[in-house]
Protein backbone atom coordinates (compact mmCIF):
# COMPACT_ATOMS: atom_id res chain seq x y z
CA MET A 1 -84.48 73.13 80.02
CA ALA A 2 -81.57 74.02 77.71
CA LYS A 3 -79.84 77.26 78.34
CA GLU A 4 -79.98 79.85 75.61
CA LYS A 5 -76.60 80.72 74.12
CA PRO A 6 -75.68 84.31 74.78
CA GLU A 7 -75.87 86.46 71.66
CA LYS A 8 -72.43 87.46 70.39
CA LYS A 9 -71.80 91.15 70.57
CA ASN A 10 -71.15 92.88 67.28
CA THR A 11 -67.77 94.18 68.34
CA PRO A 12 -65.03 95.31 65.89
CA LYS A 13 -63.03 92.21 66.86
CA ASN A 14 -65.92 89.83 66.05
CA ALA A 15 -66.63 91.65 62.80
CA ALA A 16 -62.99 91.27 61.77
CA LYS A 17 -63.13 87.52 62.49
CA ARG A 18 -66.24 87.12 60.35
CA SER A 19 -64.61 89.11 57.55
CA ASP A 20 -61.50 86.89 57.64
CA ALA A 21 -63.67 83.76 57.53
CA VAL A 22 -65.58 85.03 54.49
CA SER A 23 -62.33 86.00 52.74
CA LYS A 24 -60.85 82.52 53.32
CA LYS A 25 -64.01 80.87 52.03
CA ASN A 26 -64.07 83.04 48.90
CA GLY A 27 -60.36 82.48 48.38
CA ALA A 28 -60.82 78.73 48.50
CA ALA A 29 -63.71 78.96 46.03
CA ASP A 30 -61.62 81.11 43.66
CA LYS A 31 -58.74 78.66 43.86
CA LYS A 32 -61.10 75.76 43.10
CA ALA A 33 -62.55 77.65 40.12
CA GLU A 34 -59.07 78.42 38.77
CA THR A 35 -58.18 74.74 38.98
CA ALA A 36 -61.40 73.74 37.17
CA VAL A 37 -60.67 75.94 34.13
CA LYS A 38 -56.95 75.28 33.96
CA PRO A 39 -55.98 75.41 30.27
CA MET A 40 -54.37 72.48 28.50
CA ALA A 41 -50.60 72.46 28.16
CA VAL A 42 -49.27 74.53 25.27
CA PRO A 43 -46.10 72.88 23.94
CA LYS A 44 -43.09 75.16 23.49
CA GLN A 45 -40.17 72.77 23.22
CA LYS A 46 -39.47 70.96 19.95
CA ARG A 47 -40.08 67.51 21.45
CA SER A 48 -43.40 68.59 22.98
CA ILE A 49 -44.54 70.13 19.70
CA GLU A 50 -43.63 66.94 17.83
CA THR A 51 -45.55 64.84 20.38
CA ARG A 52 -48.65 67.00 20.02
CA LEU A 53 -48.50 66.85 16.21
CA LYS A 54 -48.04 63.08 16.36
CA ILE A 55 -51.18 62.72 18.46
CA LEU A 56 -53.12 64.89 15.98
CA SER A 57 -51.82 62.91 13.00
CA VAL A 58 -52.48 59.49 14.53
CA GLY A 59 -55.89 60.59 15.80
CA GLY A 60 -56.86 61.82 12.34
CA ASP A 61 -55.72 58.57 10.74
CA LEU A 62 -57.71 56.46 13.21
CA ILE A 63 -60.84 58.51 12.63
CA LEU A 64 -60.34 58.02 8.89
CA GLN A 65 -59.89 54.25 9.29
CA LYS A 66 -62.48 53.41 11.96
CA GLY A 67 -64.81 56.38 12.38
CA TYR A 68 -65.03 58.93 15.17
CA HIS A 69 -67.48 56.97 17.33
CA ASN A 70 -65.49 53.75 17.06
CA ILE A 71 -62.27 54.94 18.73
CA THR A 72 -61.25 56.29 22.14
CA ALA A 73 -58.44 58.46 23.45
CA ASP A 74 -56.86 55.22 24.72
CA ASP A 75 -56.85 53.85 21.16
CA ILE A 76 -55.11 57.00 19.91
CA ALA A 77 -52.50 56.79 22.67
CA LYS A 78 -51.78 53.13 21.90
CA ALA A 79 -51.48 53.76 18.16
CA ALA A 80 -49.13 56.70 18.80
CA GLY A 81 -46.98 54.63 21.16
CA LEU A 82 -47.74 56.97 24.07
CA SER A 83 -49.34 56.67 27.47
CA THR A 84 -52.93 57.80 27.86
CA GLY A 85 -51.71 60.33 30.42
CA ILE A 86 -49.52 62.01 27.81
CA VAL A 87 -52.48 62.33 25.46
CA TYR A 88 -54.59 63.94 28.19
CA HIS A 89 -51.68 66.27 29.00
CA TYR A 90 -52.20 67.95 25.61
CA PHE A 91 -55.88 67.30 24.89
CA ARG A 92 -59.04 67.11 26.98
CA ASP A 93 -60.57 64.20 25.08
CA LYS A 94 -60.85 62.70 21.60
CA LYS A 95 -63.18 65.50 20.48
CA ASP A 96 -60.54 68.04 21.43
CA ILE A 97 -58.09 66.09 19.26
CA LEU A 98 -60.53 66.07 16.35
CA ILE A 99 -61.30 69.79 16.64
CA GLN A 100 -57.64 70.82 16.74
CA ALA A 101 -56.81 68.48 13.86
CA LEU A 102 -59.61 70.09 11.83
CA GLN A 103 -58.34 73.57 12.61
CA MET A 104 -54.82 72.61 11.54
CA ALA A 105 -56.10 71.08 8.28
CA ALA A 106 -58.27 74.14 7.61
CA ASP A 107 -55.32 76.50 8.02
CA GLN A 108 -53.27 74.44 5.58
CA LEU A 109 -56.11 74.28 3.06
CA MET A 110 -56.71 78.02 3.17
CA GLY A 111 -52.98 78.73 2.87
CA ASP A 112 -52.65 76.47 -0.17
CA VAL A 113 -55.63 78.03 -1.98
CA THR A 114 -54.35 81.57 -1.33
CA ARG A 115 -50.88 80.57 -2.55
CA PHE A 116 -52.35 79.18 -5.77
CA TYR A 117 -53.89 82.54 -6.54
CA HIS A 118 -50.64 84.44 -6.03
CA GLU A 119 -48.78 81.90 -8.17
CA ALA A 120 -51.28 82.52 -10.99
CA GLU A 121 -50.31 86.22 -11.37
CA LYS A 122 -48.86 86.06 -14.85
CA GLY A 123 -51.26 87.78 -17.19
CA ASP A 124 -54.53 89.69 -17.24
CA LYS A 125 -57.05 89.08 -14.49
CA GLY A 126 -59.08 86.68 -16.62
CA LEU A 127 -56.13 84.43 -17.47
CA GLU A 128 -54.74 84.45 -13.94
CA PHE A 129 -58.17 83.54 -12.59
CA ASP A 130 -58.47 80.64 -15.06
CA ALA A 131 -55.10 79.29 -13.87
CA PHE A 132 -56.14 79.72 -10.24
CA ALA A 133 -59.49 78.00 -10.80
CA GLU A 134 -57.93 75.03 -12.60
CA LYS A 135 -55.30 74.50 -9.90
CA THR A 136 -57.82 74.97 -7.09
CA LEU A 137 -60.23 72.44 -8.60
CA ASP A 138 -57.43 69.89 -9.01
CA TYR A 139 -56.26 70.46 -5.45
CA LEU A 140 -59.75 70.21 -3.92
CA LEU A 141 -60.63 67.14 -5.96
CA ASP A 142 -57.48 65.43 -4.74
CA TYR A 143 -58.25 66.59 -1.17
CA HIS A 144 -61.75 65.13 -1.35
CA GLN A 145 -60.46 61.84 -2.78
CA ARG A 146 -57.87 61.46 -0.02
CA ASN A 147 -60.24 62.46 2.77
CA TRP A 148 -63.69 61.38 1.56
CA ALA A 149 -64.31 59.05 4.51
CA VAL A 150 -63.47 61.82 6.99
CA HIS A 151 -65.57 64.27 4.98
CA GLU A 152 -68.59 62.00 5.26
CA GLU A 153 -67.93 61.43 8.97
CA LEU A 154 -67.76 65.18 9.59
CA GLU A 155 -70.97 65.78 7.66
CA ALA A 156 -72.75 63.47 10.09
CA LEU A 157 -71.05 65.02 13.15
CA TYR A 158 -71.98 68.50 11.96
CA HIS A 159 -75.65 67.70 12.56
CA THR A 160 -75.15 65.99 15.92
CA ASP A 161 -72.35 67.88 17.67
CA ALA A 162 -72.55 71.64 18.28
CA ASP A 163 -68.78 72.00 18.84
CA ILE A 164 -67.93 70.36 15.52
CA ALA A 165 -70.57 72.49 13.79
CA GLU A 166 -69.04 75.64 15.30
CA VAL A 167 -65.55 74.74 14.05
CA SER A 168 -66.89 73.95 10.58
CA ASP A 169 -68.89 77.17 10.37
CA GLY A 170 -65.86 79.14 11.54
CA PHE A 171 -63.69 77.57 8.86
CA TRP A 172 -66.10 78.37 6.05
CA GLN A 173 -66.65 81.92 7.25
CA ASN A 174 -62.89 82.43 7.34
CA MET A 175 -62.59 80.90 3.88
CA TYR A 176 -65.24 83.23 2.43
CA GLU A 177 -63.70 86.34 4.01
CA LYS A 178 -60.13 85.60 2.91
CA MET A 179 -61.19 84.68 -0.60
CA GLU A 180 -63.16 87.90 -0.86
CA GLN A 181 -60.11 89.93 0.21
CA VAL A 182 -57.91 88.20 -2.37
CA PHE A 183 -60.42 88.64 -5.19
CA LEU A 184 -61.02 92.31 -4.41
CA LEU A 185 -57.28 92.95 -4.56
CA LYS A 186 -57.24 91.30 -7.97
CA GLY A 187 -59.98 93.49 -9.40
CA ALA A 188 -63.17 91.62 -8.52
CA ASN A 189 -66.48 93.44 -8.81
CA PRO A 190 -67.04 94.95 -5.31
CA GLU A 191 -70.82 94.97 -5.66
CA LYS A 192 -72.23 92.08 -3.60
CA SER A 193 -68.72 90.60 -3.41
CA ALA A 194 -69.40 88.68 -0.19
CA GLU A 195 -72.49 87.01 -1.65
CA ASN A 196 -70.76 86.23 -4.96
CA VAL A 197 -67.69 84.71 -3.28
CA ARG A 198 -69.94 82.51 -1.13
CA MET A 199 -71.78 81.24 -4.21
CA ALA A 200 -68.50 80.70 -6.09
CA VAL A 201 -66.98 78.60 -3.31
CA ASN A 202 -70.19 76.58 -3.04
CA TYR A 203 -70.11 75.92 -6.80
CA ILE A 204 -66.61 74.48 -6.40
CA GLU A 205 -67.72 72.31 -3.49
CA CYS A 206 -70.76 71.13 -5.43
CA PHE A 207 -68.60 70.10 -8.38
CA CYS A 208 -66.23 68.17 -6.08
CA HIS A 209 -69.13 66.33 -4.45
CA THR A 210 -70.68 65.48 -7.81
CA TYR A 211 -67.32 64.20 -9.02
CA MET A 212 -66.85 62.04 -5.92
CA HIS A 213 -70.40 60.72 -5.84
CA PRO A 214 -71.91 60.81 -9.33
CA ILE A 215 -75.57 59.82 -9.13
CA ASP A 216 -75.78 59.65 -12.92
CA PRO A 217 -72.70 57.99 -14.52
CA LYS A 218 -73.60 59.52 -17.87
CA LEU A 219 -72.80 63.04 -16.65
CA ASP A 220 -70.04 64.77 -18.61
CA GLN A 221 -67.57 65.74 -15.87
CA THR A 222 -65.32 67.66 -18.28
CA TYR A 223 -68.23 69.85 -19.36
CA MET A 224 -69.28 70.41 -15.74
CA ARG A 225 -65.74 71.42 -14.78
CA LYS A 226 -65.55 73.93 -17.63
CA LYS A 227 -68.95 75.44 -16.80
CA THR A 228 -68.06 75.64 -13.09
CA ILE A 229 -65.03 77.79 -13.92
CA GLU A 230 -67.07 79.98 -16.26
CA ILE A 231 -69.80 80.52 -13.65
CA ILE A 232 -67.51 81.44 -10.77
CA LYS A 233 -65.47 83.71 -13.06
CA LYS A 234 -68.67 85.55 -14.01
CA LEU A 235 -69.70 85.79 -10.36
CA ILE A 236 -66.38 87.24 -9.22
CA PHE A 237 -65.60 89.65 -12.05
CA GLY A 238 -69.07 90.39 -13.36
């Protein structure tokens, strides 16, 4: 018959040992958790920044040429003339590359549109808005023409990937808010300004999409452009 093990006495010494064991176990778990959520490298040196931007540029070009689902991080590394390890040093995966490339492009787009408005400050609010609207339409039309394949790819990803949808929604919300701030400073009607700016931006997008993909070739694009400017001007200034 097996002997029963004597029950350990709950002495201060034994309690201290148990406490140390628990602390070591928790410490190991904390260390493991810290390693699991280690952030990606943030480049600070010029060469590192250039490498990161090169990966973003090459990745964007490959997505444009072949489609998001038809490339891998290895393909991006090869096209950039880098090792796969270098790519993973800066980005978690190809989706991380796409998301950061989108954020960079969105910042540039918003900066350009805001600059157009400030450059248009030459006359009364109506004239400066006309100049802004014309330049913005030209810029966005050119942007859509240069990036139509990516635009279509992103439209599909928006409905299938929650992360891409979140980035897209964040961009548009930022666009609406900044545009509203600019318009209010220029004398826009403050009543329902958020709603009116949202509709105005969507009118511009709608015109660009119709221009890029005309279902009816008989549509008068010049007339539609003129009416688009008139409508958004009425929305913003009342």
